[in-house]
Amino acid sequence: MQVEYWDVANAGELVHVYNEQLSGVPHCYPVSPEEFEIGIRYRKDADEPYEELHSEKIIVCRQNGKILGFADVALVETEADGQKKHKGLIRFLTYQPGYRPVGQVILTEAERYLRDLGMNQITVFRIAYDDDDFSYRFYQLGFGLVSDRMGHVYALFRMNGYEINRREQGEIFMDQPEYSVDEPVLPDSRVEIVVKQKPGRGILPGLTVQAFRSGREIGICKSFSVGRYCQASEAQDWCFIKWLGVEEEERGKGWGRYLLQRNLWEMRKIGYKNTVISADIKNYRAQLFYTNYGYRVVNTGYGLVKNI
């Protein structure tokens, strides 16, 4: 078994490993070498490189000459009370199912590397609640969480003492292929509805539906093309409902249902055929609401952390 430390500039050479090992994870589509490298180096919501990541390395493990897994490790520069600090982060880790010793070697090396840089805590796949969580753009709609569909990776972390992050326990992903929706009825004709399209990285544009009462926004539903996160052709007719919110005093009046269905109806007219949405793992109200309108759970992602 051979362990190598690579610079991020060489990451494109690992694309075949990613595509092979992530093929069964919902909404993780095949990526090209160029897309893989850019998606690692650039922010998921802006075409500019990360400046907060330092000492980043990719730890690669070979067996009999074949690459069986890798981990991306880095220090994240943060600022609190006017002081700059660093956090240890495993941005990504994958290994071939059935090769637990390979996974263990990669994880042990990742921990040693971060420990030698002075870190006493490691966050896995993302830094919770930061403006940018430093996840891979093309992985799981930009959510850097350990998917339960990567059961061997999740189990490896848990067996090595990683706990679910209390600040951000996880995210539920639901989708609805070939969805159908009728134009919804406006709950209150005195409310103004504004629909705006916004071009993005996908072939089809994103869309925002806003509700205004007397000039004040009372609700909003934002959606993006899944093509915003990856270039694969099979991702382009999927719309991702990124945000649905209704002001407290307007809840219980049908605005959540209307905004969601209006957004989906508008997206259907644009050319979308399928839809995916997510909710915090503890937001049971949202999960119940979404399942009422045809969404079904396909994946769960977890945030993990360990003191070392």
C-alpha atoms as a PDB file:
ATOM      1  CA  MET A   1       0.000   0.000   0.000  1.00  0.00           C
ATOM      2  CA  GLN A   2       1.451   3.347  -1.087  1.00  0.00           C
ATOM      3  CA  VAL A   3       0.478   6.792   0.251  1.00  0.00           C
ATOM      4  CA  GLU A   4       1.141   9.951  -1.760  1.00  0.00           C
ATOM      5  CA  TYR A   5       0.603  13.658  -1.057  1.00  0.00           C
ATOM      6  CA  TRP A   6      -0.630  15.629  -4.061  1.00  0.00           C
ATOM      7  CA  ASP A   7      -1.130  19.327  -4.689  1.00  0.00           C
ATOM      8  CA  VAL A   8      -4.673  20.393  -5.556  1.00  0.00           C
ATOM      9  CA  ALA A   9      -3.453  21.410  -9.020  1.00  0.00           C
ATOM     10  CA  ASN A  10      -3.203  17.695  -9.862  1.00  0.00           C
ATOM     11  CA  ALA A  11      -6.702  16.846  -8.624  1.00  0.00           C
ATOM     12  CA  GLY A  12      -8.090  16.307 -12.123  1.00  0.00           C
ATOM     13  CA  GLU A  13      -6.216  13.008 -12.291  1.00  0.00           C
ATOM     14  CA  LEU A  14      -8.564  11.643  -9.594  1.00  0.00           C
ATOM     15  CA  VAL A  15     -11.784  12.227 -11.512  1.00  0.00           C
ATOM     16  CA  HIS A  16     -12.136   8.565 -12.521  1.00  0.00           C
ATOM     17  CA  VAL A  17     -11.939   7.540  -8.848  1.00  0.00           C
ATOM     18  CA  TYR A  18     -14.649  10.033  -7.904  1.00  0.00           C
ATOM     19  CA  ASN A  19     -16.946   9.069 -10.787  1.00  0.00           C
ATOM     20  CA  GLU A  20     -16.612   5.366 -10.071  1.00  0.00           C
ATOM     21  CA  GLN A  21     -17.038   5.521  -6.310  1.00  0.00           C
ATOM     22  CA  LEU A  22     -19.822   8.145  -6.206  1.00  0.00           C
ATOM     23  CA  SER A  23     -21.960   6.686  -8.990  1.00  0.00           C
ATOM     24  CA  GLY A  24     -24.618   5.386  -6.588  1.00  0.00           C
ATOM     25  CA  VAL A  25     -25.115   8.589  -4.597  1.00  0.00           C
ATOM     26  CA  PRO A  26     -28.262  10.538  -5.602  1.00  0.00           C
ATOM     27  CA  HIS A  27     -27.518  13.781  -7.437  1.00  0.00           C
ATOM     28  CA  CYS A  28     -23.811  13.086  -7.706  1.00  0.00           C
ATOM     29  CA  TYR A  29     -23.278  13.171 -11.453  1.00  0.00           C
ATOM     30  CA  PRO A  30     -20.196  12.247 -13.523  1.00  0.00           C
ATOM     31  CA  VAL A  31     -17.765  15.133 -13.907  1.00  0.00           C
ATOM     32  CA  SER A  32     -14.944  15.864 -16.345  1.00  0.00           C
ATOM     33  CA  PRO A  33     -11.315  16.322 -15.218  1.00  0.00           C
ATOM     34  CA  GLU A  34     -11.524  20.085 -15.767  1.00  0.00           C
ATOM     35  CA  GLU A  35     -14.854  20.339 -13.949  1.00  0.00           C
ATOM     36  CA  PHE A  36     -13.465  18.257 -11.094  1.00  0.00           C
ATOM     37  CA  GLU A  37     -10.452  20.518 -10.639  1.00  0.00           C
ATOM     38  CA  ILE A  38     -12.469  23.748 -10.908  1.00  0.00           C
ATOM     39  CA  GLY A  39     -15.180  22.429  -8.589  1.00  0.00           C
ATOM     40  CA  ILE A  40     -12.576  21.756  -5.914  1.00  0.00           C
ATOM     41  CA  ARG A  41     -10.702  25.048  -6.221  1.00  0.00           C
ATOM     42  CA  TYR A  42     -13.623  27.436  -6.807  1.00  0.00           C
ATOM     43  CA  ARG A  43     -16.504  28.439  -4.577  1.00  0.00           C
ATOM     44  CA  LYS A  44     -19.774  26.685  -5.255  1.00  0.00           C
ATOM     45  CA  ASP A  45     -21.760  29.937  -5.579  1.00  0.00           C
ATOM     46  CA  ALA A  46     -19.115  32.137  -7.218  1.00  0.00           C
ATOM     47  CA  ASP A  47     -16.507  31.639  -9.922  1.00  0.00           C
ATOM     48  CA  GLU A  48     -13.569  32.597  -7.751  1.00  0.00           C
ATOM     49  CA  PRO A  49     -11.025  30.494  -5.854  1.00  0.00           C
ATOM     50  CA  TYR A  50     -10.968  29.984  -2.113  1.00  0.00           C
ATOM     51  CA  GLU A  51      -8.593  32.254  -0.236  1.00  0.00           C
ATOM     52  CA  GLU A  52      -9.338  30.843   3.226  1.00  0.00           C
ATOM     53  CA  LEU A  53      -7.911  27.381   2.549  1.00  0.00           C
ATOM     54  CA  HIS A  54      -4.279  26.836   3.525  1.00  0.00           C
ATOM     55  CA  SER A  55      -1.838  23.906   3.533  1.00  0.00           C
ATOM     56  CA  GLU A  56      -4.265  21.940   1.380  1.00  0.00           C
ATOM     57  CA  LYS A  57      -3.158  18.500   0.233  1.00  0.00           C
ATOM     58  CA  ILE A  58      -4.790  15.490  -1.354  1.00  0.00           C
ATOM     59  CA  ILE A  59      -3.768  12.215   0.271  1.00  0.00           C
ATOM     60  CA  VAL A  60      -3.882   9.403  -2.282  1.00  0.00           C
ATOM     61  CA  CYS A  61      -3.651   5.685  -1.546  1.00  0.00           C
ATOM     62  CA  ARG A  62      -2.581   3.093  -4.120  1.00  0.00           C
ATOM     63  CA  GLN A  63      -2.591  -0.669  -3.932  1.00  0.00           C
ATOM     64  CA  ASN A  64      -0.859  -2.672  -6.653  1.00  0.00           C
ATOM     65  CA  GLY A  65      -0.538   0.552  -8.613  1.00  0.00           C
ATOM     66  CA  LYS A  66      -4.264   1.349  -8.610  1.00  0.00           C
ATOM     67  CA  ILE A  67      -5.665   4.395  -6.798  1.00  0.00           C
ATOM     68  CA  LEU A  68      -8.321   3.115  -4.406  1.00  0.00           C
ATOM     69  CA  GLY A  69      -9.142   6.277  -2.492  1.00  0.00           C
ATOM     70  CA  PHE A  70      -8.175   9.783  -1.482  1.00  0.00           C
ATOM     71  CA  ALA A  71      -8.789  12.498   1.093  1.00  0.00           C
ATOM     72  CA  ASP A  72      -8.652  16.270   0.662  1.00  0.00           C
ATOM     73  CA  VAL A  73      -7.361  17.976   3.828  1.00  0.00           C
ATOM     74  CA  ALA A  74      -6.823  21.653   4.596  1.00  0.00           C
ATOM     75  CA  LEU A  75      -6.734  24.382   7.196  1.00  0.00           C
ATOM     76  CA  VAL A  76      -9.591  26.886   7.063  1.00  0.00           C
ATOM     77  CA  GLU A  77      -8.822  30.447   8.093  1.00  0.00           C
ATOM     78  CA  THR A  78     -11.593  31.986  10.206  1.00  0.00           C
ATOM     79  CA  GLU A  79     -11.883  35.200  12.183  1.00  0.00           C
ATOM     80  CA  ALA A  80     -13.523  35.696  15.585  1.00  0.00           C
ATOM     81  CA  ASP A  81     -13.310  38.749  17.841  1.00  0.00           C
ATOM     82  CA  GLY A  82     -10.794  40.300  15.483  1.00  0.00           C
ATOM     83  CA  GLN A  83      -8.427  37.342  15.720  1.00  0.00           C
ATOM     84  CA  LYS A  84      -7.617  34.928  12.925  1.00  0.00           C
ATOM     85  CA  LYS A  85      -7.794  31.227  13.716  1.00  0.00           C
ATOM     86  CA  HIS A  86      -7.486  28.000  11.758  1.00  0.00           C
ATOM     87  CA  LYS A  87      -9.717  24.938  11.763  1.00  0.00           C
ATOM     88  CA  GLY A  88      -8.827  21.450  10.575  1.00  0.00           C
ATOM     89  CA  LEU A  89     -10.992  20.167   7.739  1.00  0.00           C
ATOM     90  CA  ILE A  90     -11.290  16.927   5.794  1.00  0.00           C
ATOM     91  CA  ARG A  91     -13.035  18.407   2.755  1.00  0.00           C
ATOM     92  CA  PHE A  92     -13.658  15.030   1.173  1.00  0.00           C
ATOM     93  CA  LEU A  93     -12.794  11.371   1.638  1.00  0.00           C
ATOM     94  CA  THR A  94     -13.645   8.336  -0.428  1.00  0.00           C
ATOM     95  CA  TYR A  95     -12.318   4.830  -0.854  1.00  0.00           C
ATOM     96  CA  GLN A  96     -13.312   1.663  -2.677  1.00  0.00           C
ATOM     97  CA  PRO A  97     -16.022  -0.293  -0.807  1.00  0.00           C
ATOM     98  CA  GLY A  98     -14.612  -3.517   0.591  1.00  0.00           C
ATOM     99  CA  TYR A  99     -11.155  -2.019   1.135  1.00  0.00           C
ATOM    100  CA  ARG A 100     -11.441  -0.880   4.729  1.00  0.00           C
ATOM    101  CA  PRO A 101      -7.645  -1.001   5.338  1.00  0.00           C
ATOM    102  CA  VAL A 102      -7.240   1.525   2.516  1.00  0.00           C
ATOM    103  CA  GLY A 103      -9.829   3.825   4.057  1.00  0.00           C
ATOM    104  CA  GLN A 104      -8.191   3.488   7.455  1.00  0.00           C
ATOM    105  CA  VAL A 105      -4.751   4.372   6.101  1.00  0.00           C
ATOM    106  CA  ILE A 106      -6.153   7.449   4.343  1.00  0.00           C
ATOM    107  CA  LEU A 107      -8.019   8.635   7.439  1.00  0.00           C
ATOM    108  CA  THR A 108      -5.048   8.014   9.737  1.00  0.00           C
ATOM    109  CA  GLU A 109      -2.784   9.992   7.401  1.00  0.00           C
ATOM    110  CA  ALA A 110      -5.323  12.831   7.215  1.00  0.00           C
ATOM    111  CA  GLU A 111      -5.520  13.054  10.998  1.00  0.00           C
ATOM    112  CA  ARG A 112      -1.749  12.943  11.372  1.00  0.00           C
ATOM    113  CA  TYR A 113      -1.287  15.688   8.782  1.00  0.00           C
ATOM    114  CA  LEU A 114      -3.748  18.030  10.509  1.00  0.00           C
ATOM    115  CA  ARG A 115      -2.428  17.187  13.966  1.00  0.00           C
ATOM    116  CA  ASP A 116       1.109  18.032  12.852  1.00  0.00           C
ATOM    117  CA  LEU A 117      -0.198  21.429  11.737  1.00  0.00           C
ATOM    118  CA  GLY A 118      -1.392  22.083  15.289  1.00  0.00           C
ATOM    119  CA  MET A 119      -5.065  21.211  14.940  1.00  0.00           C
ATOM    120  CA  ASN A 120      -6.894  19.596  17.868  1.00  0.00           C
ATOM    121  CA  GLN A 121     -10.276  19.262  16.178  1.00  0.00           C
ATOM    122  CA  ILE A 122     -11.293  18.020  12.737  1.00  0.00           C
ATOM    123  CA  THR A 123     -14.530  18.741  10.925  1.00  0.00           C
ATOM    124  CA  VAL A 124     -15.505  16.337   8.142  1.00  0.00           C
ATOM    125  CA  PHE A 125     -16.686  17.496   4.688  1.00  0.00           C
ATOM    126  CA  ARG A 126     -17.746  21.001   5.798  1.00  0.00           C
ATOM    127  CA  ILE A 127     -17.403  23.756   8.361  1.00  0.00           C
ATOM    128  CA  ALA A 128     -20.892  24.219   9.787  1.00  0.00           C
ATOM    129  CA  TYR A 129     -22.742  27.499   9.275  1.00  0.00           C
ATOM    130  CA  ASP A 130     -19.899  29.429   7.654  1.00  0.00           C
ATOM    131  CA  ASP A 131     -20.748  31.721   4.740  1.00  0.00           C
ATOM    132  CA  ASP A 132     -19.142  29.093   2.529  1.00  0.00           C
ATOM    133  CA  ASP A 133     -18.778  25.556   3.807  1.00  0.00           C
ATOM    134  CA  PHE A 134     -15.802  24.728   1.526  1.00  0.00           C
ATOM    135  CA  SER A 135     -17.517  21.687   0.045  1.00  0.00           C
ATOM    136  CA  TYR A 136     -17.021  20.442  -3.514  1.00  0.00           C
ATOM    137  CA  ARG A 137     -19.311  22.291  -5.913  1.00  0.00           C
ATOM    138  CA  PHE A 138     -20.310  19.181  -7.863  1.00  0.00           C
ATOM    139  CA  TYR A 139     -20.885  16.889  -4.860  1.00  0.00           C
ATOM    140  CA  GLN A 140     -24.452  16.432  -3.611  1.00  0.00           C
ATOM    141  CA  LEU A 141     -25.830  19.813  -4.768  1.00  0.00           C
ATOM    142  CA  GLY A 142     -22.976  21.615  -3.058  1.00  0.00           C
ATOM    143  CA  PHE A 143     -23.828  20.184   0.364  1.00  0.00           C
ATOM    144  CA  GLY A 144     -20.578  18.923   1.868  1.00  0.00           C
ATOM    145  CA  LEU A 145     -22.082  16.291   4.142  1.00  0.00           C
ATOM    146  CA  VAL A 146     -21.237  12.597   4.452  1.00  0.00           C
ATOM    147  CA  SER A 147     -23.960  10.770   2.524  1.00  0.00           C
ATOM    148  CA  ASP A 148     -25.528   7.691   4.064  1.00  0.00           C
ATOM    149  CA  ARG A 149     -25.293   6.205   0.566  1.00  0.00           C
ATOM    150  CA  MET A 150     -21.531   6.172   1.175  1.00  0.00           C
ATOM    151  CA  GLY A 151     -22.179   3.838   4.083  1.00  0.00           C
ATOM    152  CA  HIS A 152     -18.651   2.471   4.260  1.00  0.00           C
ATOM    153  CA  VAL A 153     -17.188   5.996   4.513  1.00  0.00           C
ATOM    154  CA  TYR A 154     -19.706   7.095   7.145  1.00  0.00           C
ATOM    155  CA  ALA A 155     -19.081   3.923   9.168  1.00  0.00           C
ATOM    156  CA  LEU A 156     -15.311   4.382   8.965  1.00  0.00           C
ATOM    157  CA  PHE A 157     -15.567   7.847  10.481  1.00  0.00           C
ATOM    158  CA  ARG A 158     -17.893   6.692  13.248  1.00  0.00           C
ATOM    159  CA  MET A 159     -15.643   3.740  14.127  1.00  0.00           C
ATOM    160  CA  ASN A 160     -12.765   6.206  14.452  1.00  0.00           C
ATOM    161  CA  GLY A 161     -14.514   8.353  17.028  1.00  0.00           C
ATOM    162  CA  TYR A 162     -16.220  10.960  14.867  1.00  0.00           C
ATOM    163  CA  GLU A 163     -19.515  12.242  16.248  1.00  0.00           C
ATOM    164  CA  ILE A 164     -22.436  13.953  14.566  1.00  0.00           C
ATOM    165  CA  ASN A 165     -21.861  17.695  14.755  1.00  0.00           C
ATOM    166  CA  ARG A 166     -24.226  19.176  17.342  1.00  0.00           C
ATOM    167  CA  ARG A 167     -24.365  22.498  15.518  1.00  0.00           C
ATOM    168  CA  GLU A 168     -25.425  20.944  12.251  1.00  0.00           C
ATOM    169  CA  GLN A 169     -26.558  17.358  12.489  1.00  0.00           C
ATOM    170  CA  GLY A 170     -27.466  16.749   8.886  1.00  0.00           C
ATOM    171  CA  GLU A 171     -29.681  17.303   5.861  1.00  0.00           C
ATOM    172  CA  ILE A 172     -32.507  15.261   4.314  1.00  0.00           C
ATOM    173  CA  PHE A 173     -32.660  15.190   0.505  1.00  0.00           C
ATOM    174  CA  MET A 174     -35.940  14.472  -1.298  1.00  0.00           C
ATOM    175  CA  ASP A 175     -36.754  14.376  -4.966  1.00  0.00           C
ATOM    176  CA  GLN A 176     -39.646  13.948  -7.374  1.00  0.00           C
ATOM    177  CA  PRO A 177     -38.778  12.714 -10.878  1.00  0.00           C
ATOM    178  CA  GLU A 178     -41.178  13.594 -13.688  1.00  0.00           C
ATOM    179  CA  TYR A 179     -43.223  15.845 -11.420  1.00  0.00           C
ATOM    180  CA  SER A 180     -46.532  17.325 -12.482  1.00  0.00           C
ATOM    181  CA  VAL A 181     -48.176  20.429 -11.066  1.00  0.00           C
ATOM    182  CA  ASP A 182     -51.119  22.645 -11.970  1.00  0.00           C
ATOM    183  CA  GLU A 183     -51.098  26.409 -11.729  1.00  0.00           C
ATOM    184  CA  PRO A 184     -51.937  27.103  -8.077  1.00  0.00           C
ATOM    185  CA  VAL A 185     -54.752  29.378  -6.916  1.00  0.00           C
ATOM    186  CA  LEU A 186     -53.628  32.610  -5.260  1.00  0.00           C
ATOM    187  CA  PRO A 187     -54.705  32.520  -1.568  1.00  0.00           C
ATOM    188  CA  ASP A 188     -55.274  36.295  -1.461  1.00  0.00           C
ATOM    189  CA  SER A 189     -55.780  38.408  -4.585  1.00  0.00           C
ATOM    190  CA  ARG A 190     -54.542  41.506  -2.740  1.00  0.00           C
ATOM    191  CA  VAL A 191     -51.026  40.055  -2.640  1.00  0.00           C
ATOM    192  CA  GLU A 192     -48.682  40.833  -5.536  1.00  0.00           C
ATOM    193  CA  ILE A 193     -46.650  37.964  -7.002  1.00  0.00           C
ATOM    194  CA  VAL A 194     -43.338  38.699  -8.708  1.00  0.00           C
ATOM    195  CA  VAL A 195     -41.573  36.034 -10.787  1.00  0.00           C
ATOM    196  CA  LYS A 196     -37.973  36.548 -11.874  1.00  0.00           C
ATOM    197  CA  GLN A 197     -35.689  34.315 -13.922  1.00  0.00           C
ATOM    198  CA  LYS A 198     -31.943  34.420 -13.394  1.00  0.00           C
ATOM    199  CA  PRO A 199     -29.437  32.743 -15.744  1.00  0.00           C
ATOM    200  CA  GLY A 200     -26.796  30.597 -14.089  1.00  0.00           C
ATOM    201  CA  ARG A 201     -24.259  27.903 -14.896  1.00  0.00           C
ATOM    202  CA  GLY A 202     -26.986  25.475 -15.943  1.00  0.00           C
ATOM    203  CA  ILE A 203     -28.538  25.347 -19.409  1.00  0.00           C
ATOM    204  CA  LEU A 204     -31.882  26.500 -17.983  1.00  0.00           C
ATOM    205  CA  PRO A 205     -32.212  29.539 -15.688  1.00  0.00           C
ATOM    206  CA  GLY A 206     -33.022  29.656 -12.012  1.00  0.00           C
ATOM    207  CA  LEU A 207     -36.172  31.313 -10.735  1.00  0.00           C
ATOM    208  CA  THR A 208     -37.478  33.302  -7.766  1.00  0.00           C
ATOM    209  CA  VAL A 209     -41.139  33.728  -6.794  1.00  0.00           C
ATOM    210  CA  GLN A 210     -41.880  36.490  -4.284  1.00  0.00           C
ATOM    211  CA  ALA A 211     -45.129  37.478  -2.565  1.00  0.00           C
ATOM    212  CA  PHE A 212     -45.660  41.122  -1.513  1.00  0.00           C
ATOM    213  CA  ARG A 213     -48.395  42.532   0.685  1.00  0.00           C
ATOM    214  CA  SER A 214     -48.614  46.325   0.492  1.00  0.00           C
ATOM    215  CA  GLY A 215     -45.052  46.414  -0.828  1.00  0.00           C
ATOM    216  CA  ARG A 216     -43.623  44.214   1.940  1.00  0.00           C
ATOM    217  CA  GLU A 217     -42.285  40.756   1.129  1.00  0.00           C
ATOM    218  CA  ILE A 218     -44.208  38.059   2.987  1.00  0.00           C
ATOM    219  CA  GLY A 219     -42.787  34.972   1.287  1.00  0.00           C
ATOM    220  CA  ILE A 220     -40.224  33.748  -1.208  1.00  0.00           C
ATOM    221  CA  CYS A 221     -39.281  30.558  -3.045  1.00  0.00           C
ATOM    222  CA  LYS A 222     -35.922  30.278  -4.822  1.00  0.00           C
ATOM    223  CA  SER A 223     -34.905  27.531  -7.207  1.00  0.00           C
ATOM    224  CA  PHE A 224     -31.789  26.782  -9.229  1.00  0.00           C
ATOM    225  CA  SER A 225     -30.868  24.429 -11.997  1.00  0.00           C
ATOM    226  CA  VAL A 226     -28.940  21.430 -10.706  1.00  0.00           C
ATOM    227  CA  GLY A 227     -26.709  22.370 -13.630  1.00  0.00           C
ATOM    228  CA  ARG A 228     -25.514  25.189 -11.380  1.00  0.00           C
ATOM    229  CA  TYR A 229     -23.469  22.546  -9.571  1.00  0.00           C
ATOM    230  CA  CYS A 230     -22.481  20.149 -12.348  1.00  0.00           C
ATOM    231  CA  GLN A 231     -22.350  20.084 -16.134  1.00  0.00           C
ATOM    232  CA  ALA A 232     -23.678  16.567 -16.780  1.00  0.00           C
ATOM    233  CA  SER A 233     -26.513  16.493 -19.310  1.00  0.00           C
ATOM    234  CA  GLU A 234     -28.705  14.409 -17.006  1.00  0.00           C
ATOM    235  CA  ALA A 235     -28.585  17.175 -14.382  1.00  0.00           C
ATOM    236  CA  GLN A 236     -29.897  19.951 -16.622  1.00  0.00           C
ATOM    237  CA  ASP A 237     -33.642  19.252 -16.362  1.00  0.00           C
ATOM    238  CA  TRP A 238     -33.570  18.947 -12.558  1.00  0.00           C
ATOM    239  CA  CYS A 239     -34.600  22.014 -10.555  1.00  0.00           C
ATOM    240  CA  PHE A 240     -33.406  22.382  -6.972  1.00  0.00           C
ATOM    241  CA  ILE A 241     -35.709  24.242  -4.579  1.00  0.00           C
ATOM    242  CA  LYS A 242     -33.032  26.044  -2.602  1.00  0.00           C
ATOM    243  CA  TRP A 243     -35.165  28.127  -0.252  1.00  0.00           C
ATOM    244  CA  LEU A 244     -38.808  28.441   0.777  1.00  0.00           C
ATOM    245  CA  GLY A 245     -39.760  30.937   3.458  1.00  0.00           C
ATOM    246  CA  VAL A 246     -42.921  32.638   4.718  1.00  0.00           C
ATOM    247  CA  GLU A 247     -43.117  35.414   7.317  1.00  0.00           C
ATOM    248  CA  GLU A 248     -44.331  34.228  10.719  1.00  0.00           C
ATOM    249  CA  GLU A 249     -47.584  36.200  10.707  1.00  0.00           C
ATOM    250  CA  GLU A 250     -48.491  34.865   7.247  1.00  0.00           C
ATOM    251  CA  ARG A 251     -48.029  31.193   8.015  1.00  0.00           C
ATOM    252  CA  GLY A 252     -51.011  28.864   8.002  1.00  0.00           C
ATOM    253  CA  LYS A 253     -52.657  30.775   5.152  1.00  0.00           C
ATOM    254  CA  GLY A 254     -51.476  28.592   2.268  1.00  0.00           C
ATOM    255  CA  TRP A 255     -48.519  30.704   1.163  1.00  0.00           C
ATOM    256  CA  GLY A 256     -45.941  27.955   1.566  1.00  0.00           C
ATOM    257  CA  ARG A 257     -47.950  25.651  -0.674  1.00  0.00           C
ATOM    258  CA  TYR A 258     -48.640  28.398  -3.191  1.00  0.00           C
ATOM    259  CA  LEU A 259     -45.039  29.594  -3.480  1.00  0.00           C
ATOM    260  CA  LEU A 260     -43.684  26.059  -3.845  1.00  0.00           C
ATOM    261  CA  GLN A 261     -46.265  25.041  -6.446  1.00  0.00           C
ATOM    262  CA  ARG A 262     -45.985  28.339  -8.317  1.00  0.00           C
ATOM    263  CA  ASN A 263     -42.223  27.956  -8.509  1.00  0.00           C
ATOM    264  CA  LEU A 264     -42.511  24.367  -9.735  1.00  0.00           C
ATOM    265  CA  TRP A 265     -45.194  25.375 -12.251  1.00  0.00           C
ATOM    266  CA  GLU A 266     -43.029  28.192 -13.614  1.00  0.00           C
ATOM    267  CA  MET A 267     -39.980  25.916 -13.775  1.00  0.00           C
ATOM    268  CA  ARG A 268     -42.005  23.305 -15.628  1.00  0.00           C
ATOM    269  CA  LYS A 269     -42.889  25.901 -18.261  1.00  0.00           C
ATOM    270  CA  ILE A 270     -39.194  26.736 -18.656  1.00  0.00           C
ATOM    271  CA  GLY A 271     -38.395  23.100 -19.406  1.00  0.00           C
ATOM    272  CA  TYR A 272     -37.621  21.359 -16.120  1.00  0.00           C
ATOM    273  CA  LYS A 273     -38.964  17.839 -15.642  1.00  0.00           C
ATOM    274  CA  ASN A 274     -37.671  16.795 -12.226  1.00  0.00           C
ATOM    275  CA  THR A 275     -37.282  18.441  -8.837  1.00  0.00           C
ATOM    276  CA  VAL A 276     -35.171  17.980  -5.710  1.00  0.00           C
ATOM    277  CA  ILE A 277     -35.374  19.717  -2.335  1.00  0.00           C
ATOM    278  CA  SER A 278     -33.681  19.431   1.050  1.00  0.00           C
ATOM    279  CA  ALA A 279     -34.428  20.119   4.712  1.00  0.00           C
ATOM    280  CA  ASP A 280     -32.500  20.160   7.957  1.00  0.00           C
ATOM    281  CA  ILE A 281     -32.563  16.704   9.495  1.00  0.00           C
ATOM    282  CA  LYS A 282     -34.435  18.077  12.533  1.00  0.00           C
ATOM    283  CA  ASN A 283     -36.895  20.214  10.564  1.00  0.00           C
ATOM    284  CA  TYR A 284     -39.739  17.718  10.707  1.00  0.00           C
ATOM    285  CA  ARG A 285     -42.357  20.304   9.770  1.00  0.00           C
ATOM    286  CA  ALA A 286     -40.618  20.945   6.439  1.00  0.00           C
ATOM    287  CA  GLN A 287     -40.117  17.236   5.797  1.00  0.00           C
ATOM    288  CA  LEU A 288     -43.812  16.556   6.394  1.00  0.00           C
ATOM    289  CA  PHE A 289     -44.790  19.491   4.205  1.00  0.00           C
ATOM    290  CA  TYR A 290     -42.620  18.399   1.278  1.00  0.00           C
ATOM    291  CA  THR A 291     -43.806  14.789   1.405  1.00  0.00           C
ATOM    292  CA  ASN A 292     -47.381  16.071   1.171  1.00  0.00           C
ATOM    293  CA  TYR A 293     -46.516  17.351  -2.304  1.00  0.00           C
ATOM    294  CA  GLY A 294     -44.888  14.303  -3.806  1.00  0.00           C
ATOM    295  CA  TYR A 295     -41.300  14.459  -2.553  1.00  0.00           C
ATOM    296  CA  ARG A 296     -39.680  11.252  -1.290  1.00  0.00           C
ATOM    297  CA  VAL A 297     -36.491  10.848   0.734  1.00  0.00           C
ATOM    298  CA  VAL A 298     -33.538   9.617  -1.338  1.00  0.00           C
ATOM    299  CA  ASN A 299     -30.503  10.538   0.745  1.00  0.00           C
ATOM    300  CA  THR A 300     -29.344  11.827   4.130  1.00  0.00           C
ATOM    301  CA  GLY A 301     -26.093  13.689   4.767  1.00  0.00           C
ATOM    302  CA  TYR A 302     -24.384  14.112   8.131  1.00  0.00           C
ATOM    303  CA  GLY A 303     -21.915  16.606   9.560  1.00  0.00           C
ATOM    304  CA  LEU A 304     -19.173  14.987  11.670  1.00  0.00           C
ATOM    305  CA  VAL A 305     -16.509  16.278  14.041  1.00  0.00           C
ATOM    306  CA  LYS A 306     -13.740  14.822  16.225  1.00  0.00           C
ATOM    307  CA  ASN A 307     -11.345  16.163  18.849  1.00  0.00           C
ATOM    308  CA  ILE A 308      -7.851  14.770  18.321  1.00  0.00           C
END
